[in-house]
């Protein structure tokens, strides 16, 4: 069944409105009353762009297919970091945030001092990357619960270590954004809200991932519970199967995007939403951009 174009939809709606006695004036009021698109900035992971291209060409492609901001990974090499900055500036593309890279391998909740120190070093690098690139947030997975690390220890250890990063975050004016992931930690929106609030710092906020919570909750519930503490968002989708699940493109999975969109509208979210999907070519990325328009922003 073919989906009607916007022009066809508007024409049929005018006809229906006139038939109902609303007239063109009534139709205009009807259109004016429909919700405006959300003022969320569309973003894409740097890793989703074709690796065979130069940074400059990747940034240009991101802009050309409709994205407004980029999330880049921790980059310890200063020359490479400068190259990324130059490429973004040349394409008039903002690097909105940094994906910290050492928090899984070297968890802040570890009982091993050497591992914790490596994790702190990685976060310091990420914070300096963010300052160089003009970003305002760094994503951090705060802890990992496993057979060696209890939930209680993960909570207390990670908070202790994150507090060591706060002076640098405040100095550089970069938010440390705590993300909920499949780390057996922060399994409810109430817990995550409490964890963030206990820092009592504007430099610790929440990074919300729409897809990650599907296994144990509802994204729209998390959004309303976390509310104004959400500083950044990841977009992904997956579909439950009898044998488990599979990651799919936005709109092809089990996320109720209309409910998610309305929840974002209710809390007044106007930050960025970064797609975290598999990479692809220009046509694929353009399709992803259009899906964000339709599903997240509410654009026809």
C-alpha atoms as a PDB file:
ATOM      1  CA  UNK A   1       0.000   0.000   0.000  1.00  0.00           C
ATOM      2  CA  UNK A   2       1.522   3.339  -1.083  1.00  0.00           C
ATOM      3  CA  UNK A   3       1.950   6.016   1.568  1.00  0.00           C
ATOM      4  CA  UNK A   4       0.363   9.316   0.416  1.00  0.00           C
ATOM      5  CA  UNK A   5       2.676  12.277  -0.149  1.00  0.00           C
ATOM      6  CA  UNK A   6       2.438  15.364   2.045  1.00  0.00           C
ATOM      7  CA  UNK A   7       0.728  17.226  -0.817  1.00  0.00           C
ATOM      8  CA  UNK A   8      -1.831  14.440  -1.240  1.00  0.00           C
ATOM      9  CA  UNK A   9      -2.392  14.270   2.492  1.00  0.00           C
ATOM     10  CA  UNK A  10      -3.018  18.013   2.765  1.00  0.00           C
ATOM     11  CA  UNK A  11      -5.348  17.951  -0.249  1.00  0.00           C
ATOM     12  CA  UNK A  12      -7.406  15.100   1.187  1.00  0.00           C
ATOM     13  CA  UNK A  13      -7.515  16.818   4.575  1.00  0.00           C
ATOM     14  CA  UNK A  14      -8.795  20.067   3.025  1.00  0.00           C
ATOM     15  CA  UNK A  15     -11.487  18.101   1.188  1.00  0.00           C
ATOM     16  CA  UNK A  16     -12.525  16.340   4.388  1.00  0.00           C
ATOM     17  CA  UNK A  17     -12.540  19.595   6.332  1.00  0.00           C
ATOM     18  CA  UNK A  18     -14.752  21.335   3.744  1.00  0.00           C
ATOM     19  CA  UNK A  19     -17.093  18.352   3.623  1.00  0.00           C
ATOM     20  CA  UNK A  20     -17.434  18.604   7.375  1.00  0.00           C
ATOM     21  CA  UNK A  21     -18.373  22.272   7.057  1.00  0.00           C
ATOM     22  CA  UNK A  22     -15.115  23.597   8.436  1.00  0.00           C
ATOM     23  CA  UNK A  23     -14.149  25.464   5.284  1.00  0.00           C
ATOM     24  CA  UNK A  24     -10.617  26.587   4.482  1.00  0.00           C
ATOM     25  CA  UNK A  25     -10.520  28.759   7.599  1.00  0.00           C
ATOM     26  CA  UNK A  26     -11.366  25.767   9.773  1.00  0.00           C
ATOM     27  CA  UNK A  27      -8.689  23.708   8.063  1.00  0.00           C
ATOM     28  CA  UNK A  28      -6.118  26.451   8.725  1.00  0.00           C
ATOM     29  CA  UNK A  29      -7.006  26.407  12.406  1.00  0.00           C
ATOM     30  CA  UNK A  30      -6.737  22.612  12.407  1.00  0.00           C
ATOM     31  CA  UNK A  31      -3.235  22.714  10.917  1.00  0.00           C
ATOM     32  CA  UNK A  32      -2.163  25.523  13.257  1.00  0.00           C
ATOM     33  CA  UNK A  33      -3.276  23.431  16.234  1.00  0.00           C
ATOM     34  CA  UNK A  34      -1.094  20.462  15.294  1.00  0.00           C
ATOM     35  CA  UNK A  35       2.106  20.131  17.345  1.00  0.00           C
ATOM     36  CA  UNK A  36       5.183  21.865  15.984  1.00  0.00           C
ATOM     37  CA  UNK A  37       8.266  19.740  15.274  1.00  0.00           C
ATOM     38  CA  UNK A  38      10.509  19.324  18.306  1.00  0.00           C
ATOM     39  CA  UNK A  39      13.557  21.657  18.456  1.00  0.00           C
ATOM     40  CA  UNK A  40      15.964  18.727  18.874  1.00  0.00           C
ATOM     41  CA  UNK A  41      19.259  18.779  16.987  1.00  0.00           C
ATOM     42  CA  UNK A  42      19.858  15.705  14.806  1.00  0.00           C
ATOM     43  CA  UNK A  43      23.196  14.043  15.393  1.00  0.00           C
ATOM     44  CA  UNK A  44      25.233  11.103  14.158  1.00  0.00           C
ATOM     45  CA  UNK A  45      28.178   9.139  15.520  1.00  0.00           C
ATOM     46  CA  UNK A  46      31.432   9.835  13.721  1.00  0.00           C
ATOM     47  CA  UNK A  47      31.880   6.036  13.500  1.00  0.00           C
ATOM     48  CA  UNK A  48      28.656   5.734  11.458  1.00  0.00           C
ATOM     49  CA  UNK A  49      30.236   7.687   8.597  1.00  0.00           C
ATOM     50  CA  UNK A  50      32.301   5.814   5.952  1.00  0.00           C
ATOM     51  CA  UNK A  51      35.766   5.196   7.418  1.00  0.00           C
ATOM     52  CA  UNK A  52      37.329   5.167   3.938  1.00  0.00           C
ATOM     53  CA  UNK A  53      36.661   8.906   3.677  1.00  0.00           C
ATOM     54  CA  UNK A  54      38.790  11.648   5.199  1.00  0.00           C
ATOM     55  CA  UNK A  55      37.491  13.390   8.301  1.00  0.00           C
ATOM     56  CA  UNK A  56      36.697  16.421   6.145  1.00  0.00           C
ATOM     57  CA  UNK A  57      34.619  14.374   3.705  1.00  0.00           C
ATOM     58  CA  UNK A  58      32.865  12.537   6.537  1.00  0.00           C
ATOM     59  CA  UNK A  59      31.856  15.814   8.167  1.00  0.00           C
ATOM     60  CA  UNK A  60      30.636  17.177   4.839  1.00  0.00           C
ATOM     61  CA  UNK A  61      28.598  14.026   4.204  1.00  0.00           C
ATOM     62  CA  UNK A  62      26.973  14.280   7.638  1.00  0.00           C
ATOM     63  CA  UNK A  63      25.936  17.847   6.870  1.00  0.00           C
ATOM     64  CA  UNK A  64      24.741  17.027   3.337  1.00  0.00           C
ATOM     65  CA  UNK A  65      22.422  14.199   4.457  1.00  0.00           C
ATOM     66  CA  UNK A  66      20.764  16.382   7.073  1.00  0.00           C
ATOM     67  CA  UNK A  67      22.573  15.963  10.390  1.00  0.00           C
ATOM     68  CA  UNK A  68      23.398  19.002  12.486  1.00  0.00           C
ATOM     69  CA  UNK A  69      25.876  17.690  15.054  1.00  0.00           C
ATOM     70  CA  UNK A  70      28.475  14.938  15.511  1.00  0.00           C
ATOM     71  CA  UNK A  71      29.492  12.765  18.461  1.00  0.00           C
ATOM     72  CA  UNK A  72      33.191  11.887  18.293  1.00  0.00           C
ATOM     73  CA  UNK A  73      35.129   9.279  20.302  1.00  0.00           C
ATOM     74  CA  UNK A  74      37.929   9.913  22.775  1.00  0.00           C
ATOM     75  CA  UNK A  75      41.015  10.808  20.736  1.00  0.00           C
ATOM     76  CA  UNK A  76      44.316  10.712  22.691  1.00  0.00           C
ATOM     77  CA  UNK A  77      46.442  11.688  19.658  1.00  0.00           C
ATOM     78  CA  UNK A  78      46.587  15.486  19.697  1.00  0.00           C
ATOM     79  CA  UNK A  79      47.289  15.783  15.970  1.00  0.00           C
ATOM     80  CA  UNK A  80      44.308  13.599  15.114  1.00  0.00           C
ATOM     81  CA  UNK A  81      42.119  15.576  17.516  1.00  0.00           C
ATOM     82  CA  UNK A  82      43.174  18.783  15.763  1.00  0.00           C
ATOM     83  CA  UNK A  83      42.421  17.187  12.382  1.00  0.00           C
ATOM     84  CA  UNK A  84      38.902  16.296  13.551  1.00  0.00           C
ATOM     85  CA  UNK A  85      38.356  19.858  14.782  1.00  0.00           C
ATOM     86  CA  UNK A  86      39.574  21.340  11.491  1.00  0.00           C
ATOM     87  CA  UNK A  87      37.312  19.004   9.509  1.00  0.00           C
ATOM     88  CA  UNK A  88      34.268  19.897  11.598  1.00  0.00           C
ATOM     89  CA  UNK A  89      34.961  23.630  11.360  1.00  0.00           C
ATOM     90  CA  UNK A  90      35.436  23.371   7.596  1.00  0.00           C
ATOM     91  CA  UNK A  91      32.056  21.674   7.171  1.00  0.00           C
ATOM     92  CA  UNK A  92      30.339  24.031   9.611  1.00  0.00           C
ATOM     93  CA  UNK A  93      29.521  20.937  11.667  1.00  0.00           C
ATOM     94  CA  UNK A  94      29.470  21.094  15.453  1.00  0.00           C
ATOM     95  CA  UNK A  95      31.043  18.303  17.483  1.00  0.00           C
ATOM     96  CA  UNK A  96      28.331  18.220  20.083  1.00  0.00           C
ATOM     97  CA  UNK A  97      29.728  15.618  22.498  1.00  0.00           C
ATOM     98  CA  UNK A  98      32.427  13.045  23.188  1.00  0.00           C
ATOM     99  CA  UNK A  99      31.952   9.294  23.534  1.00  0.00           C
ATOM    100  CA  UNK A 100      34.311   8.270  26.339  1.00  0.00           C
ATOM    101  CA  UNK A 101      36.095   5.047  25.370  1.00  0.00           C
ATOM    102  CA  UNK A 102      37.784   3.509  28.431  1.00  0.00           C
ATOM    103  CA  UNK A 103      34.885   3.073  30.854  1.00  0.00           C
ATOM    104  CA  UNK A 104      34.084  -0.548  29.875  1.00  0.00           C
ATOM    105  CA  UNK A 105      37.583  -2.008  29.802  1.00  0.00           C
ATOM    106  CA  UNK A 106      38.660  -0.023  32.854  1.00  0.00           C
ATOM    107  CA  UNK A 107      35.572   0.499  35.004  1.00  0.00           C
ATOM    108  CA  UNK A 108      35.483   3.228  37.630  1.00  0.00           C
ATOM    109  CA  UNK A 109      33.806   0.671  39.891  1.00  0.00           C
ATOM    110  CA  UNK A 110      36.749  -1.740  39.712  1.00  0.00           C
ATOM    111  CA  UNK A 111      38.561  -2.822  42.871  1.00  0.00           C
ATOM    112  CA  UNK A 112      41.854  -2.600  40.956  1.00  0.00           C
ATOM    113  CA  UNK A 113      43.490   0.842  41.476  1.00  0.00           C
ATOM    114  CA  UNK A 114      45.420   0.599  38.198  1.00  0.00           C
ATOM    115  CA  UNK A 115      42.222   0.003  36.210  1.00  0.00           C
ATOM    116  CA  UNK A 116      40.481   2.904  37.913  1.00  0.00           C
ATOM    117  CA  UNK A 117      43.398   5.230  37.193  1.00  0.00           C
ATOM    118  CA  UNK A 118      43.335   4.278  33.510  1.00  0.00           C
ATOM    119  CA  UNK A 119      39.613   5.014  33.453  1.00  0.00           C
ATOM    120  CA  UNK A 120      40.142   8.414  35.060  1.00  0.00           C
ATOM    121  CA  UNK A 121      42.916   9.189  32.567  1.00  0.00           C
ATOM    122  CA  UNK A 122      40.587   8.297  29.700  1.00  0.00           C
ATOM    123  CA  UNK A 123      37.898  10.607  31.056  1.00  0.00           C
ATOM    124  CA  UNK A 124      40.367  13.460  31.472  1.00  0.00           C
ATOM    125  CA  UNK A 125      41.384  13.005  27.848  1.00  0.00           C
ATOM    126  CA  UNK A 126      37.726  13.029  26.828  1.00  0.00           C
ATOM    127  CA  UNK A 127      37.078  16.229  28.768  1.00  0.00           C
ATOM    128  CA  UNK A 128      40.035  17.959  27.094  1.00  0.00           C
ATOM    129  CA  UNK A 129      38.847  16.682  23.696  1.00  0.00           C
ATOM    130  CA  UNK A 130      35.461  18.219  24.423  1.00  0.00           C
ATOM    131  CA  UNK A 131      37.037  21.571  25.259  1.00  0.00           C
ATOM    132  CA  UNK A 132      39.127  21.547  22.071  1.00  0.00           C
ATOM    133  CA  UNK A 133      36.166  20.610  19.881  1.00  0.00           C
ATOM    134  CA  UNK A 134      33.679  23.016  21.466  1.00  0.00           C
ATOM    135  CA  UNK A 135      31.524  20.214  22.853  1.00  0.00           C
ATOM    136  CA  UNK A 136      29.543  20.618  26.042  1.00  0.00           C
ATOM    137  CA  UNK A 137      29.290  17.015  27.314  1.00  0.00           C
ATOM    138  CA  UNK A 138      31.166  13.732  27.643  1.00  0.00           C
ATOM    139  CA  UNK A 139      29.266  10.445  27.831  1.00  0.00           C
ATOM    140  CA  UNK A 140      30.308   8.230  30.746  1.00  0.00           C
ATOM    141  CA  UNK A 141      29.278   4.689  31.647  1.00  0.00           C
ATOM    142  CA  UNK A 142      29.770   5.098  35.418  1.00  0.00           C
ATOM    143  CA  UNK A 143      30.142   1.508  36.624  1.00  0.00           C
ATOM    144  CA  UNK A 144      29.881  -2.171  35.771  1.00  0.00           C
ATOM    145  CA  UNK A 145      28.279  -4.734  38.084  1.00  0.00           C
ATOM    146  CA  UNK A 146      29.784  -8.222  37.735  1.00  0.00           C
ATOM    147  CA  UNK A 147      30.713 -11.217  39.929  1.00  0.00           C
ATOM    148  CA  UNK A 148      33.623  -9.220  41.331  1.00  0.00           C
ATOM    149  CA  UNK A 149      31.729  -5.961  41.909  1.00  0.00           C
ATOM    150  CA  UNK A 150      28.495  -5.774  43.890  1.00  0.00           C
ATOM    151  CA  UNK A 151      25.764  -3.273  43.074  1.00  0.00           C
ATOM    152  CA  UNK A 152      26.428  -1.391  46.308  1.00  0.00           C
ATOM    153  CA  UNK A 153      30.168  -1.212  45.615  1.00  0.00           C
ATOM    154  CA  UNK A 154      29.554  -0.109  42.028  1.00  0.00           C
ATOM    155  CA  UNK A 155      27.447   2.772  43.326  1.00  0.00           C
ATOM    156  CA  UNK A 156      29.841   3.997  46.026  1.00  0.00           C
ATOM    157  CA  UNK A 157      33.106   3.420  44.172  1.00  0.00           C
ATOM    158  CA  UNK A 158      31.979   5.087  40.956  1.00  0.00           C
ATOM    159  CA  UNK A 159      30.590   8.136  42.737  1.00  0.00           C
ATOM    160  CA  UNK A 160      33.846   8.523  44.668  1.00  0.00           C
ATOM    161  CA  UNK A 161      35.910   8.431  41.473  1.00  0.00           C
ATOM    162  CA  UNK A 162      33.590  10.666  39.453  1.00  0.00           C
ATOM    163  CA  UNK A 163      33.843  13.312  42.155  1.00  0.00           C
ATOM    164  CA  UNK A 164      37.583  13.429  41.422  1.00  0.00           C
ATOM    165  CA  UNK A 165      36.708  14.543  37.892  1.00  0.00           C
ATOM    166  CA  UNK A 166      34.323  17.300  38.918  1.00  0.00           C
ATOM    167  CA  UNK A 167      36.942  20.066  39.406  1.00  0.00           C
ATOM    168  CA  UNK A 168      38.219  19.548  35.839  1.00  0.00           C
ATOM    169  CA  UNK A 169      34.676  19.335  34.414  1.00  0.00           C
ATOM    170  CA  UNK A 170      33.788  22.594  36.162  1.00  0.00           C
ATOM    171  CA  UNK A 171      37.005  24.287  35.035  1.00  0.00           C
ATOM    172  CA  UNK A 172      36.431  23.309  31.406  1.00  0.00           C
ATOM    173  CA  UNK A 173      32.657  23.844  31.616  1.00  0.00           C
ATOM    174  CA  UNK A 174      31.936  20.334  30.306  1.00  0.00           C
ATOM    175  CA  UNK A 175      29.058  18.186  31.617  1.00  0.00           C
ATOM    176  CA  UNK A 176      29.765  14.574  32.565  1.00  0.00           C
ATOM    177  CA  UNK A 177      26.680  12.784  31.210  1.00  0.00           C
ATOM    178  CA  UNK A 178      25.868   9.459  32.880  1.00  0.00           C
ATOM    179  CA  UNK A 179      24.424   6.854  30.492  1.00  0.00           C
ATOM    180  CA  UNK A 180      22.294   3.822  31.298  1.00  0.00           C
ATOM    181  CA  UNK A 181      23.564   0.761  29.426  1.00  0.00           C
ATOM    182  CA  UNK A 182      23.537  -3.021  29.779  1.00  0.00           C
ATOM    183  CA  UNK A 183      25.983  -2.961  32.675  1.00  0.00           C
ATOM    184  CA  UNK A 184      23.558  -4.357  35.290  1.00  0.00           C
ATOM    185  CA  UNK A 185      23.578  -0.939  36.964  1.00  0.00           C
ATOM    186  CA  UNK A 186      20.994   1.865  37.233  1.00  0.00           C
ATOM    187  CA  UNK A 187      18.185  -0.447  36.155  1.00  0.00           C
ATOM    188  CA  UNK A 188      15.287   1.938  36.780  1.00  0.00           C
ATOM    189  CA  UNK A 189      14.681   5.621  36.051  1.00  0.00           C
ATOM    190  CA  UNK A 190      14.202   6.290  39.767  1.00  0.00           C
ATOM    191  CA  UNK A 191      17.639   4.852  40.535  1.00  0.00           C
ATOM    192  CA  UNK A 192      19.294   6.814  37.765  1.00  0.00           C
ATOM    193  CA  UNK A 193      17.624  10.043  38.842  1.00  0.00           C
ATOM    194  CA  UNK A 194      18.791   9.458  42.424  1.00  0.00           C
ATOM    195  CA  UNK A 195      22.343   8.571  41.354  1.00  0.00           C
ATOM    196  CA  UNK A 196      22.676  11.802  39.347  1.00  0.00           C
ATOM    197  CA  UNK A 197      21.014  13.944  42.015  1.00  0.00           C
ATOM    198  CA  UNK A 198      23.346  12.742  44.768  1.00  0.00           C
ATOM    199  CA  UNK A 199      26.275  14.544  43.133  1.00  0.00           C
ATOM    200  CA  UNK A 200      24.494  17.865  43.687  1.00  0.00           C
ATOM    201  CA  UNK A 201      26.420  19.330  40.770  1.00  0.00           C
ATOM    202  CA  UNK A 202      25.295  20.931  37.503  1.00  0.00           C
ATOM    203  CA  UNK A 203      28.277  19.203  35.868  1.00  0.00           C
ATOM    204  CA  UNK A 204      26.759  15.746  36.377  1.00  0.00           C
ATOM    205  CA  UNK A 205      23.650  15.075  34.301  1.00  0.00           C
ATOM    206  CA  UNK A 206      21.930  12.182  32.494  1.00  0.00           C
ATOM    207  CA  UNK A 207      22.584  10.821  29.014  1.00  0.00           C
ATOM    208  CA  UNK A 208      19.457   8.923  27.985  1.00  0.00           C
ATOM    209  CA  UNK A 209      19.532   6.074  25.458  1.00  0.00           C
ATOM    210  CA  UNK A 210      16.086   5.327  24.001  1.00  0.00           C
ATOM    211  CA  UNK A 211      16.895   1.774  22.927  1.00  0.00           C
ATOM    212  CA  UNK A 212      18.858   0.554  25.935  1.00  0.00           C
ATOM    213  CA  UNK A 213      15.934   0.571  28.365  1.00  0.00           C
ATOM    214  CA  UNK A 214      13.580  -1.557  26.250  1.00  0.00           C
ATOM    215  CA  UNK A 215      14.716  -4.744  28.004  1.00  0.00           C
ATOM    216  CA  UNK A 216      13.588  -3.522  31.418  1.00  0.00           C
ATOM    217  CA  UNK A 217      11.315  -0.521  30.966  1.00  0.00           C
ATOM    218  CA  UNK A 218       9.645   2.000  28.706  1.00  0.00           C
ATOM    219  CA  UNK A 219      11.602   4.897  27.186  1.00  0.00           C
ATOM    220  CA  UNK A 220       8.748   7.363  27.638  1.00  0.00           C
ATOM    221  CA  UNK A 221       8.603   6.542  31.368  1.00  0.00           C
ATOM    222  CA  UNK A 222      12.352   7.084  31.749  1.00  0.00           C
ATOM    223  CA  UNK A 223      12.161  10.401  29.902  1.00  0.00           C
ATOM    224  CA  UNK A 224       9.435  11.761  32.158  1.00  0.00           C
ATOM    225  CA  UNK A 225      11.182  10.520  35.319  1.00  0.00           C
ATOM    226  CA  UNK A 226      14.622  11.876  34.430  1.00  0.00           C
ATOM    227  CA  UNK A 227      13.072  15.077  33.119  1.00  0.00           C
ATOM    228  CA  UNK A 228      15.337  18.125  33.038  1.00  0.00           C
ATOM    229  CA  UNK A 229      18.388  16.101  34.059  1.00  0.00           C
ATOM    230  CA  UNK A 230      18.567  14.696  30.498  1.00  0.00           C
ATOM    231  CA  UNK A 231      21.316  16.635  28.753  1.00  0.00           C
ATOM    232  CA  UNK A 232      21.905  14.369  25.723  1.00  0.00           C
ATOM    233  CA  UNK A 233      20.124  11.489  23.965  1.00  0.00           C
ATOM    234  CA  UNK A 234      21.084   8.408  21.947  1.00  0.00           C
ATOM    235  CA  UNK A 235      18.671   6.997  19.381  1.00  0.00           C
ATOM    236  CA  UNK A 236      18.495   3.317  18.506  1.00  0.00           C
ATOM    237  CA  UNK A 237      15.860   0.623  18.174  1.00  0.00           C
ATOM    238  CA  UNK A 238      15.666  -3.133  18.511  1.00  0.00           C
ATOM    239  CA  UNK A 239      13.129  -5.826  17.891  1.00  0.00           C
ATOM    240  CA  UNK A 240      12.345  -8.635  20.314  1.00  0.00           C
ATOM    241  CA  UNK A 241      12.431 -12.161  18.854  1.00  0.00           C
ATOM    242  CA  UNK A 242      11.763 -15.613  20.266  1.00  0.00           C
ATOM    243  CA  UNK A 243      15.491 -16.263  20.253  1.00  0.00           C
ATOM    244  CA  UNK A 244      16.344 -12.897  21.801  1.00  0.00           C
ATOM    245  CA  UNK A 245      16.461  -9.615  19.903  1.00  0.00           C
ATOM    246  CA  UNK A 246      18.184  -7.820  17.057  1.00  0.00           C
ATOM    247  CA  UNK A 247      19.219  -4.214  16.590  1.00  0.00           C
ATOM    248  CA  UNK A 248      17.293  -2.620  13.733  1.00  0.00           C
ATOM    249  CA  UNK A 249      16.908   0.754  12.069  1.00  0.00           C
ATOM    250  CA  UNK A 250      14.806   3.432  13.739  1.00  0.00           C
ATOM    251  CA  UNK A 251      11.124   2.627  13.347  1.00  0.00           C
ATOM    252  CA  UNK A 252      11.677  -1.055  12.534  1.00  0.00           C
ATOM    253  CA  UNK A 253      11.725  -2.227  16.144  1.00  0.00           C
ATOM    254  CA  UNK A 254       9.655  -2.113  19.324  1.00  0.00           C
ATOM    255  CA  UNK A 255      10.207   1.501  20.420  1.00  0.00           C
ATOM    256  CA  UNK A 256       6.923   3.432  20.593  1.00  0.00           C
ATOM    257  CA  UNK A 257       8.300   6.528  18.879  1.00  0.00           C
ATOM    258  CA  UNK A 258       5.093   8.529  19.140  1.00  0.00           C
ATOM    259  CA  UNK A 259       5.095   8.050  22.923  1.00  0.00           C
ATOM    260  CA  UNK A 260       8.802   8.906  23.066  1.00  0.00           C
ATOM    261  CA  UNK A 261       8.263  12.063  21.039  1.00  0.00           C
ATOM    262  CA  UNK A 262       5.429  13.217  23.277  1.00  0.00           C
ATOM    263  CA  UNK A 263       7.495  12.545  26.400  1.00  0.00           C
ATOM    264  CA  UNK A 264      10.311  14.700  25.017  1.00  0.00           C
ATOM    265  CA  UNK A 265       7.744  17.393  24.268  1.00  0.00           C
ATOM    266  CA  UNK A 266       6.375  17.241  27.815  1.00  0.00           C
ATOM    267  CA  UNK A 267       9.764  17.756  29.467  1.00  0.00           C
ATOM    268  CA  UNK A 268      10.723  20.477  26.992  1.00  0.00           C
ATOM    269  CA  UNK A 269      13.796  18.667  25.725  1.00  0.00           C
ATOM    270  CA  UNK A 270      15.670  20.777  23.177  1.00  0.00           C
ATOM    271  CA  UNK A 271      19.155  19.238  23.174  1.00  0.00           C
ATOM    272  CA  UNK A 272      20.671  16.844  20.682  1.00  0.00           C
ATOM    273  CA  UNK A 273      19.676  13.314  19.731  1.00  0.00           C
ATOM    274  CA  UNK A 274      22.538  11.231  18.338  1.00  0.00           C
ATOM    275  CA  UNK A 275      21.841   8.173  16.183  1.00  0.00           C
ATOM    276  CA  UNK A 276      23.827   5.173  17.434  1.00  0.00           C
ATOM    277  CA  UNK A 277      23.358   2.619  14.666  1.00  0.00           C
ATOM    278  CA  UNK A 278      25.460   0.629  12.242  1.00  0.00           C
ATOM    279  CA  UNK A 279      27.378   2.666   9.702  1.00  0.00           C
ATOM    280  CA  UNK A 280      26.563   2.955   6.036  1.00  0.00           C
ATOM    281  CA  UNK A 281      26.797   4.893   2.793  1.00  0.00           C
ATOM    282  CA  UNK A 282      25.290   8.244   1.876  1.00  0.00           C
ATOM    283  CA  UNK A 283      21.902   6.825   0.871  1.00  0.00           C
ATOM    284  CA  UNK A 284      21.608   4.876   4.125  1.00  0.00           C
ATOM    285  CA  UNK A 285      22.589   7.892   6.235  1.00  0.00           C
ATOM    286  CA  UNK A 286      20.098  10.089   4.402  1.00  0.00           C
ATOM    287  CA  UNK A 287      17.367   7.552   5.189  1.00  0.00           C
ATOM    288  CA  UNK A 288      18.382   7.515   8.878  1.00  0.00           C
ATOM    289  CA  UNK A 289      18.221  11.321   8.940  1.00  0.00           C
ATOM    290  CA  UNK A 290      14.712  11.265   7.488  1.00  0.00           C
ATOM    291  CA  UNK A 291      13.639   8.659  10.042  1.00  0.00           C
ATOM    292  CA  UNK A 292      14.777  10.965  12.839  1.00  0.00           C
ATOM    293  CA  UNK A 293      12.725  13.757  11.257  1.00  0.00           C
ATOM    294  CA  UNK A 294       9.594  11.633  11.163  1.00  0.00           C
ATOM    295  CA  UNK A 295       9.879   9.569  14.328  1.00  0.00           C
ATOM    296  CA  UNK A 296      11.631  11.871  16.781  1.00  0.00           C
ATOM    297  CA  UNK A 297      11.140  15.438  15.633  1.00  0.00           C
ATOM    298  CA  UNK A 298       7.601  15.000  14.309  1.00  0.00           C
ATOM    299  CA  UNK A 299       8.306  16.416  10.860  1.00  0.00           C
ATOM    300  CA  UNK A 300       6.179  15.098   7.955  1.00  0.00           C
END
